[in-house]
C-alpha atoms as a PDB file:
ATOM      1  CA  UNK A   1     101.551  91.751 114.673  1.00  0.00           C
ATOM      2  CA  UNK A   2     102.572  91.672 118.277  1.00  0.00           C
ATOM      3  CA  UNK A   3     100.064  91.487 121.144  1.00  0.00           C
ATOM      4  CA  UNK A   4      99.992  95.256 121.736  1.00  0.00           C
ATOM      5  CA  UNK A   5      99.305  95.888 118.041  1.00  0.00           C
ATOM      6  CA  UNK A   6      96.558  93.239 117.964  1.00  0.00           C
ATOM      7  CA  UNK A   7      94.885  94.822 121.004  1.00  0.00           C
ATOM      8  CA  UNK A   8      94.998  98.246 119.387  1.00  0.00           C
ATOM      9  CA  UNK A   9      93.532  96.968 116.116  1.00  0.00           C
ATOM     10  CA  UNK A  10      90.884  95.061 118.103  1.00  0.00           C
ATOM     11  CA  UNK A  11      89.910  98.255 119.922  1.00  0.00           C
ATOM     12  CA  UNK A  12      89.438 100.161 116.664  1.00  0.00           C
ATOM     13  CA  UNK A  13      87.603  97.217 115.058  1.00  0.00           C
ATOM     14  CA  UNK A  14      85.195  97.118 118.023  1.00  0.00           C
ATOM     15  CA  UNK A  15      84.427 100.808 117.471  1.00  0.00           C
ATOM     16  CA  UNK A  16      83.935 100.085 113.776  1.00  0.00           C
ATOM     17  CA  UNK A  17      81.490  97.210 114.393  1.00  0.00           C
ATOM     18  CA  UNK A  18      79.349  99.360 116.702  1.00  0.00           C
ATOM     19  CA  UNK A  19      78.146 101.189 113.621  1.00  0.00           C
ATOM     20  CA  UNK A  20      76.666  97.858 112.411  1.00  0.00           C
ATOM     21  CA  UNK A  21      74.657  97.048 115.548  1.00  0.00           C
ATOM     22  CA  UNK A  22      71.335  95.542 114.478  1.00  0.00           C
ATOM     23  CA  UNK A  23      72.581  94.459 111.053  1.00  0.00           C
ATOM     24  CA  UNK A  24      73.001  90.790 110.100  1.00  0.00           C
ATOM     25  CA  UNK A  25      76.090  91.290 107.955  1.00  0.00           C
ATOM     26  CA  UNK A  26      78.895  92.780 110.062  1.00  0.00           C
ATOM     27  CA  UNK A  27      82.124  93.052 108.025  1.00  0.00           C
ATOM     28  CA  UNK A  28      84.830  90.668 109.243  1.00  0.00           C
ATOM     29  CA  UNK A  29      87.999  91.807 110.951  1.00  0.00           C
ATOM     30  CA  UNK A  30      89.943  90.562 107.913  1.00  0.00           C
ATOM     31  CA  UNK A  31      87.908  92.823 105.606  1.00  0.00           C
ATOM     32  CA  UNK A  32      88.376  95.719 108.032  1.00  0.00           C
ATOM     33  CA  UNK A  33      92.168  95.183 108.016  1.00  0.00           C
ATOM     34  CA  UNK A  34      92.224  94.905 104.223  1.00  0.00           C
ATOM     35  CA  UNK A  35      90.421  98.252 103.918  1.00  0.00           C
ATOM     36  CA  UNK A  36      92.712  99.900 106.493  1.00  0.00           C
ATOM     37  CA  UNK A  37      95.805  98.731 104.587  1.00  0.00           C
ATOM     38  CA  UNK A  38      94.517  99.485 101.074  1.00  0.00           C
ATOM     39  CA  UNK A  39      92.041 102.350 101.303  1.00  0.00           C
ATOM     40  CA  UNK A  40      93.590 105.624 102.556  1.00  0.00           C
ATOM     41  CA  UNK A  41      90.184 107.318 103.002  1.00  0.00           C
ATOM     42  CA  UNK A  42      88.887 104.430 105.118  1.00  0.00           C
ATOM     43  CA  UNK A  43      92.112 104.369 107.126  1.00  0.00           C
ATOM     44  CA  UNK A  44      91.914 108.104 107.754  1.00  0.00           C
ATOM     45  CA  UNK A  45      88.241 107.898 108.783  1.00  0.00           C
ATOM     46  CA  UNK A  46      89.099 105.411 111.544  1.00  0.00           C
ATOM     47  CA  UNK A  47      92.402 107.069 112.481  1.00  0.00           C
ATOM     48  CA  UNK A  48      94.298 103.820 112.071  1.00  0.00           C
ATOM     49  CA  UNK A  49      97.231 103.320 109.731  1.00  0.00           C
ATOM     50  CA  UNK A  50      99.015 100.023 109.167  1.00  0.00           C
ATOM     51  CA  UNK A  51     102.210  99.906 107.138  1.00  0.00           C
ATOM     52  CA  UNK A  52     104.058  96.721 106.277  1.00  0.00           C
ATOM     53  CA  UNK A  53     107.344  96.661 104.439  1.00  0.00           C
ATOM     54  CA  UNK A  54     110.111  94.218 103.718  1.00  0.00           C
ATOM     55  CA  UNK A  55     113.373  94.873 105.517  1.00  0.00           C
ATOM     56  CA  UNK A  56     116.388  95.473 103.327  1.00  0.00           C
ATOM     57  CA  UNK A  57     119.279  93.044 103.497  1.00  0.00           C
ATOM     58  CA  UNK A  58     121.285  95.710 105.335  1.00  0.00           C
ATOM     59  CA  UNK A  59     118.556  96.155 107.967  1.00  0.00           C
ATOM     60  CA  UNK A  60     118.325  92.398 108.465  1.00  0.00           C
ATOM     61  CA  UNK A  61     122.102  92.196 108.793  1.00  0.00           C
ATOM     62  CA  UNK A  62     122.060  94.859 111.542  1.00  0.00           C
ATOM     63  CA  UNK A  63     119.473  92.805 113.432  1.00  0.00           C
ATOM     64  CA  UNK A  64     121.392  89.544 112.915  1.00  0.00           C
ATOM     65  CA  UNK A  65     124.841  90.860 113.846  1.00  0.00           C
ATOM     66  CA  UNK A  66     124.329  90.980 117.657  1.00  0.00           C
ATOM     67  CA  UNK A  67     122.931  87.436 117.558  1.00  0.00           C
ATOM     68  CA  UNK A  68     125.882  86.252 115.498  1.00  0.00           C
ATOM     69  CA  UNK A  69     128.364  88.026 117.809  1.00  0.00           C
ATOM     70  CA  UNK A  70     126.904  86.173 120.769  1.00  0.00           C
ATOM     71  CA  UNK A  71     127.243  82.851 118.931  1.00  0.00           C
ATOM     72  CA  UNK A  72     130.453  83.348 116.942  1.00  0.00           C
ATOM     73  CA  UNK A  73     132.300  86.184 118.701  1.00  0.00           C
ATOM     74  CA  UNK A  74     134.582  88.291 116.524  1.00  0.00           C
ATOM     75  CA  UNK A  75     134.006  85.994 113.530  1.00  0.00           C
ATOM     76  CA  UNK A  76     130.544  87.517 113.232  1.00  0.00           C
ATOM     77  CA  UNK A  77     132.089  90.729 111.882  1.00  0.00           C
ATOM     78  CA  UNK A  78     133.373  88.780 108.900  1.00  0.00           C
ATOM     79  CA  UNK A  79     130.045  87.149 108.048  1.00  0.00           C
ATOM     80  CA  UNK A  80     128.652  88.229 104.709  1.00  0.00           C
ATOM     81  CA  UNK A  81     125.194  89.851 104.705  1.00  0.00           C
ATOM     82  CA  UNK A  82     123.964  87.393 102.069  1.00  0.00           C
ATOM     83  CA  UNK A  83     123.983  84.756 104.832  1.00  0.00           C
ATOM     84  CA  UNK A  84     121.102  86.486 106.614  1.00  0.00           C
ATOM     85  CA  UNK A  85     118.533  84.237 104.931  1.00  0.00           C
ATOM     86  CA  UNK A  86     120.506  81.068 105.636  1.00  0.00           C
ATOM     87  CA  UNK A  87     120.939  81.480 109.364  1.00  0.00           C
ATOM     88  CA  UNK A  88     119.156  79.075 111.722  1.00  0.00           C
ATOM     89  CA  UNK A  89     118.004  82.092 113.733  1.00  0.00           C
ATOM     90  CA  UNK A  90     114.676  83.680 112.970  1.00  0.00           C
ATOM     91  CA  UNK A  91     115.837  87.015 111.615  1.00  0.00           C
ATOM     92  CA  UNK A  92     112.800  89.183 110.775  1.00  0.00           C
ATOM     93  CA  UNK A  93     112.032  90.006 107.165  1.00  0.00           C
ATOM     94  CA  UNK A  94     109.226  92.524 107.649  1.00  0.00           C
ATOM     95  CA  UNK A  95     108.563  95.680 109.660  1.00  0.00           C
ATOM     96  CA  UNK A  96     104.958  96.347 110.733  1.00  0.00           C
ATOM     97  CA  UNK A  97     104.100  99.870 111.898  1.00  0.00           C
ATOM     98  CA  UNK A  98     100.705 100.738 113.373  1.00  0.00           C
ATOM     99  CA  UNK A  99      99.701 104.325 114.092  1.00  0.00           C
ATOM    100  CA  UNK A 100      96.603 105.303 116.059  1.00  0.00           C
ATOM    101  CA  UNK A 101      95.856 108.463 118.061  1.00  0.00           C
ATOM    102  CA  UNK A 102      99.449 109.736 117.983  1.00  0.00           C
ATOM    103  CA  UNK A 103     100.673 106.323 119.158  1.00  0.00           C
ATOM    104  CA  UNK A 104     103.100 104.337 117.014  1.00  0.00           C
ATOM    105  CA  UNK A 105     103.902 100.676 117.585  1.00  0.00           C
ATOM    106  CA  UNK A 106     106.544  98.871 115.528  1.00  0.00           C
ATOM    107  CA  UNK A 107     107.219  95.175 115.409  1.00  0.00           C
ATOM    108  CA  UNK A 108     109.273  92.806 113.320  1.00  0.00           C
ATOM    109  CA  UNK A 109     108.037  89.646 111.740  1.00  0.00           C
END
């Protein structure tokens, strides 16, 4: 997650932990995130939705192409998409989408 996404999740987690004030066993942030990602009812109750998905080879190629064009010029257009994983550049493999209060933040990882 990027910084903006982490801040948003932290804000919702803080609201969540307020319901446990006075208790010794406050659920961890990791458990909170697990429930948000895997329990639709829990996610809906807190108004936070986190979706993670793998990017297709085509999507990764579209991200890599401008980088390759800068490095290799016109030769980049001839590069085969299967090379996406073998590039020395850090081409993202995953899209993370966080939705909260009609706000959507996307980041690549």
